């Protein structure tokens, strides 16, 4: 998981491709609506550590669901 200069988690950009050039895609991360893209399907996300589910839904109701693991927080010993 990328981190900024202060050590906080940073967003990442993910991309999708649709077979129909002008199709709109609605993006959801862990059940939360992130937004809609059309033509250029790039979305900034901030997955949490551990399991995540990304769901993409087009205007025809077709779904693409992918599960992935966000990087775990590093152990910080004092």
C-alpha atoms as a PDB file:
ATOM      1  CA  UNK A   1       0.000   0.000   0.000  1.00  0.00           C
ATOM      2  CA  UNK A   2       1.578   3.312  -0.979  1.00  0.00           C
ATOM      3  CA  UNK A   3       2.234   5.855   1.742  1.00  0.00           C
ATOM      4  CA  UNK A   4       2.728   9.607   1.575  1.00  0.00           C
ATOM      5  CA  UNK A   5       5.665  11.477   3.089  1.00  0.00           C
ATOM      6  CA  UNK A   6       3.995  11.596   6.510  1.00  0.00           C
ATOM      7  CA  UNK A   7       3.560   7.806   6.498  1.00  0.00           C
ATOM      8  CA  UNK A   8      -0.216   7.796   5.964  1.00  0.00           C
ATOM      9  CA  UNK A   9      -1.796   5.424   3.443  1.00  0.00           C
ATOM     10  CA  UNK A  10      -2.249   6.963  -0.007  1.00  0.00           C
ATOM     11  CA  UNK A  11      -4.929   6.341  -2.581  1.00  0.00           C
ATOM     12  CA  UNK A  12      -4.180   4.177  -5.605  1.00  0.00           C
ATOM     13  CA  UNK A  13      -5.578   4.486  -9.127  1.00  0.00           C
ATOM     14  CA  UNK A  14      -7.150   1.416 -10.705  1.00  0.00           C
ATOM     15  CA  UNK A  15      -8.391   1.037 -14.268  1.00  0.00           C
ATOM     16  CA  UNK A  16     -11.062  -0.946 -16.066  1.00  0.00           C
ATOM     17  CA  UNK A  17     -11.877  -1.517 -19.724  1.00  0.00           C
ATOM     18  CA  UNK A  18     -15.365  -2.056 -21.139  1.00  0.00           C
ATOM     19  CA  UNK A  19     -16.107  -3.656 -24.497  1.00  0.00           C
ATOM     20  CA  UNK A  20     -18.503  -0.841 -25.380  1.00  0.00           C
ATOM     21  CA  UNK A  21     -16.604   2.377 -25.963  1.00  0.00           C
ATOM     22  CA  UNK A  22     -19.157   4.749 -24.370  1.00  0.00           C
ATOM     23  CA  UNK A  23     -20.343   2.491 -21.546  1.00  0.00           C
ATOM     24  CA  UNK A  24     -20.675   3.929 -18.052  1.00  0.00           C
ATOM     25  CA  UNK A  25     -19.344   1.986 -15.080  1.00  0.00           C
ATOM     26  CA  UNK A  26     -20.448   2.450 -11.462  1.00  0.00           C
ATOM     27  CA  UNK A  27     -17.734   1.646  -8.918  1.00  0.00           C
ATOM     28  CA  UNK A  28     -18.232   0.222  -5.400  1.00  0.00           C
ATOM     29  CA  UNK A  29     -15.569  -0.633  -2.827  1.00  0.00           C
ATOM     30  CA  UNK A  30     -16.708  -2.789   0.087  1.00  0.00           C
ATOM     31  CA  UNK A  31     -20.335  -1.859  -0.603  1.00  0.00           C
ATOM     32  CA  UNK A  32     -19.644   1.895  -0.694  1.00  0.00           C
ATOM     33  CA  UNK A  33     -20.450   3.761  -3.906  1.00  0.00           C
ATOM     34  CA  UNK A  34     -17.365   5.548  -5.250  1.00  0.00           C
ATOM     35  CA  UNK A  35     -18.685   7.112  -8.437  1.00  0.00           C
ATOM     36  CA  UNK A  36     -19.284   6.682 -12.142  1.00  0.00           C
ATOM     37  CA  UNK A  37     -16.873   6.717 -15.070  1.00  0.00           C
ATOM     38  CA  UNK A  38     -17.494   6.865 -18.791  1.00  0.00           C
ATOM     39  CA  UNK A  39     -14.933   6.195 -21.546  1.00  0.00           C
ATOM     40  CA  UNK A  40     -11.869   6.682 -19.298  1.00  0.00           C
ATOM     41  CA  UNK A  41     -12.410   4.139 -16.527  1.00  0.00           C
ATOM     42  CA  UNK A  42      -9.844   5.157 -13.910  1.00  0.00           C
ATOM     43  CA  UNK A  43     -10.824   5.442 -10.243  1.00  0.00           C
ATOM     44  CA  UNK A  44      -8.886   6.462  -7.147  1.00  0.00           C
ATOM     45  CA  UNK A  45      -9.473   4.111  -4.239  1.00  0.00           C
ATOM     46  CA  UNK A  46      -8.256   3.775  -0.677  1.00  0.00           C
ATOM     47  CA  UNK A  47      -8.651   0.110   0.248  1.00  0.00           C
ATOM     48  CA  UNK A  48      -8.408  -0.786   3.895  1.00  0.00           C
ATOM     49  CA  UNK A  49      -5.906  -3.334   5.209  1.00  0.00           C
ATOM     50  CA  UNK A  50      -7.071  -6.925   4.810  1.00  0.00           C
ATOM     51  CA  UNK A  51      -9.899  -8.197   2.590  1.00  0.00           C
ATOM     52  CA  UNK A  52     -11.608  -5.813   0.154  1.00  0.00           C
ATOM     53  CA  UNK A  53     -14.248  -6.297  -2.534  1.00  0.00           C
ATOM     54  CA  UNK A  54     -14.413  -4.147  -5.659  1.00  0.00           C
ATOM     55  CA  UNK A  55     -17.663  -4.262  -7.655  1.00  0.00           C
ATOM     56  CA  UNK A  56     -18.125  -2.667 -11.083  1.00  0.00           C
ATOM     57  CA  UNK A  57     -21.628  -2.418 -12.573  1.00  0.00           C
ATOM     58  CA  UNK A  58     -22.405  -1.153 -16.061  1.00  0.00           C
ATOM     59  CA  UNK A  59     -25.627   0.403 -17.347  1.00  0.00           C
ATOM     60  CA  UNK A  60     -26.929  -2.998 -18.463  1.00  0.00           C
ATOM     61  CA  UNK A  61     -26.541  -4.368 -14.937  1.00  0.00           C
ATOM     62  CA  UNK A  62     -23.539  -6.537 -15.761  1.00  0.00           C
ATOM     63  CA  UNK A  63     -21.284  -6.977 -12.726  1.00  0.00           C
ATOM     64  CA  UNK A  64     -17.619  -7.627 -12.248  1.00  0.00           C
ATOM     65  CA  UNK A  65     -16.639  -8.493  -8.667  1.00  0.00           C
ATOM     66  CA  UNK A  66     -13.037  -8.880  -7.542  1.00  0.00           C
ATOM     67  CA  UNK A  67     -11.700  -9.561  -4.066  1.00  0.00           C
ATOM     68  CA  UNK A  68      -8.215  -8.562  -2.985  1.00  0.00           C
ATOM     69  CA  UNK A  69      -6.194  -7.957   0.158  1.00  0.00           C
ATOM     70  CA  UNK A  70      -4.999  -4.516   1.128  1.00  0.00           C
ATOM     71  CA  UNK A  71      -1.571  -4.435   2.705  1.00  0.00           C
ATOM     72  CA  UNK A  72      -1.647  -4.925   6.449  1.00  0.00           C
ATOM     73  CA  UNK A  73      -0.482  -2.113   8.675  1.00  0.00           C
ATOM     74  CA  UNK A  74       3.183  -2.583   9.600  1.00  0.00           C
ATOM     75  CA  UNK A  75       3.922  -3.606  13.153  1.00  0.00           C
ATOM     76  CA  UNK A  76       5.325  -0.601  14.948  1.00  0.00           C
ATOM     77  CA  UNK A  77       7.183  -1.414  18.083  1.00  0.00           C
ATOM     78  CA  UNK A  78       7.962   1.326  20.549  1.00  0.00           C
END
